[in-house]
Structure formats: structure tokens, C-alpha cells
Protein backbone atom coordinates (compact mmCIF):
# COMPACT_ATOMS: atom_id res chain seq x y z
CA MET A 1 -10.42 12.49 -8.26
CA PRO A 2 -9.80 12.09 -4.51
CA ALA A 3 -6.36 12.73 -3.07
CA PRO A 4 -4.27 9.54 -2.66
CA ILE A 5 -4.16 7.90 0.75
CA THR A 6 -0.57 8.30 1.98
CA SER A 7 -1.05 7.40 5.64
CA ILE A 8 -2.87 4.48 7.17
CA SER A 9 -4.30 6.93 9.72
CA GLN A 10 -6.44 8.36 6.88
CA LEU A 11 -8.41 5.11 6.71
CA ASP A 12 -11.45 4.24 8.79
CA LYS A 13 -10.47 1.02 10.57
CA HIS A 14 -14.15 0.02 10.54
CA GLY A 15 -14.74 0.91 6.89
CA VAL A 16 -15.34 -1.51 4.03
CA TYR A 17 -12.73 -1.45 1.28
CA THR A 18 -12.14 -3.11 -2.08
CA TYR A 19 -9.13 -4.20 -4.07
CA ALA A 20 -9.58 -1.04 -6.16
CA ASP A 21 -9.11 1.02 -2.97
CA TYR A 22 -6.14 -1.12 -1.93
CA LEU A 23 -4.35 -0.45 -5.22
CA THR A 24 -4.46 3.33 -4.64
CA TRP A 25 -2.96 3.34 -1.15
CA ARG A 26 0.53 4.83 -0.91
CA PHE A 27 1.70 4.11 2.62
CA SER A 28 4.49 1.86 3.85
CA GLU A 29 2.50 -0.38 6.21
CA MET A 30 1.39 -3.74 4.89
CA VAL A 31 -2.33 -4.44 5.09
CA GLU A 32 -4.74 -7.16 4.06
CA LEU A 33 -8.45 -7.06 3.27
CA ILE A 34 -10.73 -9.89 4.30
CA LYS A 35 -14.31 -9.48 3.08
CA GLY A 36 -13.76 -5.73 2.90
CA ARG A 37 -12.39 -5.43 6.44
CA LEU A 38 -8.97 -3.87 6.94
CA PHE A 39 -6.28 -5.85 8.77
CA ILE A 40 -2.97 -4.20 9.51
CA THR A 41 -0.23 -6.80 9.36
CA SER A 42 2.39 -6.91 12.05
CA PRO A 43 5.59 -4.92 11.74
CA ALA A 44 8.62 -6.60 10.17
CA PRO A 45 8.59 -10.27 11.21
CA ALA A 46 10.83 -11.39 14.08
CA SER A 47 14.03 -13.25 13.26
CA LYS A 48 12.51 -16.61 14.29
CA HIS A 49 9.62 -16.04 11.88
CA GLN A 50 12.11 -15.28 9.10
CA ASP A 51 14.22 -18.35 9.94
CA LEU A 52 11.15 -20.60 9.82
CA SER A 53 9.98 -19.07 6.57
CA ALA A 54 13.43 -19.57 5.01
CA ALA A 55 13.61 -23.22 6.18
CA LEU A 56 10.16 -24.02 4.78
CA LEU A 57 10.86 -22.12 1.56
CA ARG A 58 14.20 -23.85 0.98
CA ASN A 59 12.66 -27.33 0.80
CA THR A 60 9.56 -26.17 -1.02
CA ILE A 61 11.37 -24.21 -3.73
CA TYR A 62 13.83 -27.05 -4.30
CA TYR A 63 11.01 -29.59 -4.60
CA PHE A 64 9.04 -27.51 -7.12
CA TRP A 65 12.07 -26.25 -9.07
CA SER A 66 11.41 -28.34 -12.20
CA LYS A 67 7.68 -28.84 -11.69
CA ASP A 68 4.66 -26.91 -12.95
CA CYS A 69 3.65 -25.51 -9.55
CA LYS A 70 5.07 -22.15 -8.45
CA VAL A 71 6.08 -21.08 -4.94
CA TYR A 72 5.52 -17.51 -3.74
CA HIS A 73 6.13 -15.78 -0.40
CA ALA A 74 5.04 -12.55 1.23
CA PRO A 75 4.69 -9.88 0.14
CA PHE A 76 2.58 -11.44 -2.63
CA ASP A 77 -1.07 -10.47 -3.15
CA VAL A 78 -3.60 -13.30 -3.26
CA ARG A 79 -7.17 -12.51 -4.33
CA PRO A 80 -8.74 -15.87 -3.49
CA SER A 81 -12.14 -15.16 -5.02
CA GLY A 82 -10.57 -15.30 -8.51
CA LYS A 83 -10.59 -13.02 -11.51
CA SER A 84 -13.17 -10.26 -11.53
CA ALA A 85 -14.07 -7.83 -14.26
CA ASP A 86 -13.88 -4.99 -11.78
CA ASP A 87 -11.39 -4.52 -8.95
CA ALA A 88 -14.16 -2.70 -7.06
CA GLU A 89 -15.95 -6.06 -6.68
CA VAL A 90 -12.98 -7.77 -5.03
CA LEU A 91 -13.22 -7.49 -1.23
CA THR A 92 -10.34 -9.74 -0.22
CA VAL A 93 -6.59 -9.56 -0.75
CA VAL A 94 -4.22 -11.38 1.59
CA GLN A 95 -0.48 -12.01 1.73
CA PRO A 96 0.22 -15.56 2.91
CA ASP A 97 3.68 -16.25 4.24
CA ILE A 98 4.10 -19.02 1.64
CA CYS A 99 1.78 -20.32 -1.06
CA VAL A 100 1.97 -22.89 -3.83
CA ILE A 101 -0.03 -22.39 -7.01
CA CYS A 102 -0.31 -25.22 -9.56
CA ASP A 103 -2.68 -23.53 -12.02
CA SER A 104 -0.57 -20.98 -13.92
CA THR A 105 -3.68 -19.20 -15.24
CA LYS A 106 -4.28 -17.88 -11.70
CA VAL A 107 -0.98 -15.95 -11.66
CA ASP A 108 -1.03 -12.45 -13.13
CA GLU A 109 1.19 -9.39 -12.87
CA ARG A 110 -0.49 -8.40 -9.58
CA GLY A 111 -0.26 -11.75 -7.79
CA CYS A 112 -2.71 -14.65 -7.65
CA ALA A 113 -6.32 -14.37 -8.82
CA GLY A 114 -7.86 -17.47 -7.29
CA ALA A 115 -7.16 -19.92 -4.51
CA PRO A 116 -3.62 -21.30 -4.17
CA ASP A 117 -3.39 -25.06 -3.74
CA TRP A 118 -1.41 -24.89 -0.48
CA ILE A 119 -0.87 -22.07 1.99
CA ILE A 120 1.47 -21.81 4.98
CA GLU A 121 0.98 -19.09 7.60
CA ILE A 122 3.48 -18.50 10.41
CA VAL A 123 1.61 -17.04 13.37
CA SER A 124 2.78 -14.26 15.63
CA PRO A 125 1.00 -12.99 18.75
CA SER A 126 -0.56 -10.20 16.68
CA THR A 127 -1.74 -12.46 13.81
CA ALA A 128 -2.80 -15.65 15.62
CA LYS A 129 -6.52 -14.80 15.77
CA LYS A 130 -6.60 -13.77 12.11
CA ASP A 131 -4.64 -16.83 10.95
CA LEU A 132 -6.68 -19.31 13.01
CA ASN A 133 -10.10 -17.79 12.39
CA ASP A 134 -10.46 -15.26 9.56
CA LYS A 135 -7.89 -16.78 7.21
CA TYR A 136 -8.82 -20.37 8.11
CA ASN A 137 -12.45 -19.65 7.14
CA LEU A 138 -11.43 -17.66 4.07
CA TYR A 139 -9.11 -20.37 2.75
CA GLU A 140 -11.68 -23.07 3.45
CA GLU A 141 -14.47 -21.13 1.68
CA ASN A 142 -12.31 -20.49 -1.37
CA GLY A 143 -11.04 -24.04 -1.79
CA VAL A 144 -7.40 -23.87 -0.68
CA GLN A 145 -6.67 -27.60 -0.65
CA GLU A 146 -4.19 -27.61 2.23
CA TYR A 147 -3.43 -25.12 5.00
CA TRP A 148 -0.54 -25.25 7.46
CA VAL A 149 -0.38 -23.04 10.53
CA VAL A 150 3.10 -22.75 12.04
CA PHE A 151 3.50 -21.92 15.74
CA PRO A 152 7.06 -20.61 16.30
CA ASP A 153 6.89 -20.58 20.10
CA ALA A 154 5.62 -24.17 20.29
CA ASN A 155 7.87 -25.50 17.49
CA ALA A 156 4.77 -27.05 15.92
CA ILE A 157 2.69 -27.09 12.74
CA ASN A 158 -1.04 -27.77 12.45
CA GLN A 159 -2.04 -29.41 9.18
CA TYR A 160 -5.51 -28.98 7.67
CA VAL A 161 -6.69 -30.70 4.48
CA LEU A 162 -9.84 -29.80 2.55
CA VAL A 163 -12.29 -32.72 2.39
CA ASP A 164 -15.78 -32.18 0.97
CA ASP A 165 -15.31 -28.39 1.16
CA LYS A 166 -14.41 -28.45 4.88
CA TYR A 167 -11.03 -28.52 6.56
CA GLU A 168 -10.14 -31.66 8.43
CA TYR A 169 -7.48 -31.30 11.09
CA THR A 170 -4.84 -33.93 10.37
CA ASP A 171 -2.54 -33.49 13.36
CA THR A 172 -0.07 -31.21 15.11
CA PHE A 173 3.50 -32.04 14.16
CA GLY A 174 6.43 -31.19 16.43
CA ARG A 175 10.13 -30.77 16.06
CA HIS A 176 10.99 -34.49 16.31
CA GLN A 177 8.65 -35.53 13.51
CA LYS A 178 8.55 -35.49 9.74
CA LEU A 179 5.72 -33.85 7.82
CA SER A 180 4.58 -33.99 4.21
CA PRO A 181 1.76 -32.11 2.51
CA GLU A 182 -1.05 -34.50 1.60
CA LEU A 183 -1.04 -32.89 -1.84
CA PHE A 184 2.66 -33.66 -2.38
CA PRO A 185 3.48 -36.70 -0.23
CA ASP A 186 7.03 -37.07 -1.57
CA LEU A 187 7.94 -33.59 -0.26
CA VAL A 188 9.20 -34.39 3.25
CA PHE A 189 10.09 -31.85 5.93
CA ASP A 190 12.30 -33.04 8.77
CA LEU A 191 10.99 -30.64 11.40
CA LYS A 192 14.17 -30.71 13.46
CA GLU A 193 15.68 -28.82 10.51
CA VAL A 194 12.73 -26.40 10.40
CA PHE A 195 12.80 -25.85 14.18
CA PRO A 196 16.54 -26.02 14.99
């Protein structure tokens, strides 16, 4: 049995890894795998990121409190390809900032095995490319019904909705607007409260 990986420096940044590998790692850094490729997440989020996450979570958790859908936030492992008989076959595990899952059979003791219904990612300079390209494509391919990308510096949110297996860009919403997920139109965010 190989020695456990206790430092991220022991990994080949260009290697291909599986969820089985991921489960054995014993280092403090947070990482994600997208199609076997290793992505090191940014250090602890900035205070603005945390404030935005809390504002979005507050409304979302309150809305879903007595409903069947569940709200989760990072760190929370999502394996969007679904349940697999063997962890060595799973090449993707991500940690969205916020996700909503309405099918309780997808939630297990390790996170979510399958695509959440709605995902929100809050970009930072170090994650923007991944959130706008790699994760956008991943979520689209795996059937995440709605994807929001939050831009803290611009006080704006891009909304994407899955139509015929492709994301359609709805609009960019700014601090003086209100925004609702297409999936849950009676959940309304007053963005001046999200971006104070």
C-alpha cells in the first residue's frame, strides 16, 4: 500500500487523478478534480466573497427551509457524473460555493452524487477562468439546470439556464436590480442587499 499523500507538493500537477485518489489525500489545501485534472482552489476566500456567500445563502436557506430541496455550501463535494460502482472511475469532484439539490437520492454521506439543480459560484481572480470555462462546461454537460456566476468586483451576477442541453445566457444583473432563479421564480433576491 503506498504511503499517504500528506503534501500537495507530492502530486504531479499534470497528472490524472480519480475520486479514489482524492479520498486518500491528507493535506490541508482544498482541491478539485475536473475530468481528472487537479485544480488547487484559492486560499481562504476574501471577506467580500464571504459576505456575498452569506447574503445569497441567507435568502436561499430561508426559502428552502420547509421544502424538499436542500442547500449546501463549500466545502461540499459534488461528483456531477453521478453514482459509480467504483470511486476509481470518477474523475470529477468539485466544491461549488452554493448548490441546491432537489433529488434527495443524490445526497450521500460524502456529498452529492449527481448534478445539483442550481449552482452559484463566486469568482475570484484566481478562479475566474475555471468558473467561466471549465466549470461552465462541466455543469452544462452534466445537466445542472441553472448556473449563476457572481462577480464581486463588478457587483454583478450572470445567469445561465439550461435549454436543450445548452446554457442560454439570460442576462447580467447588477446591484440595483432584482433577480430570481428561473427554477424558483418566487425566490427573489434584491441585489442591493447582496451587494451592499
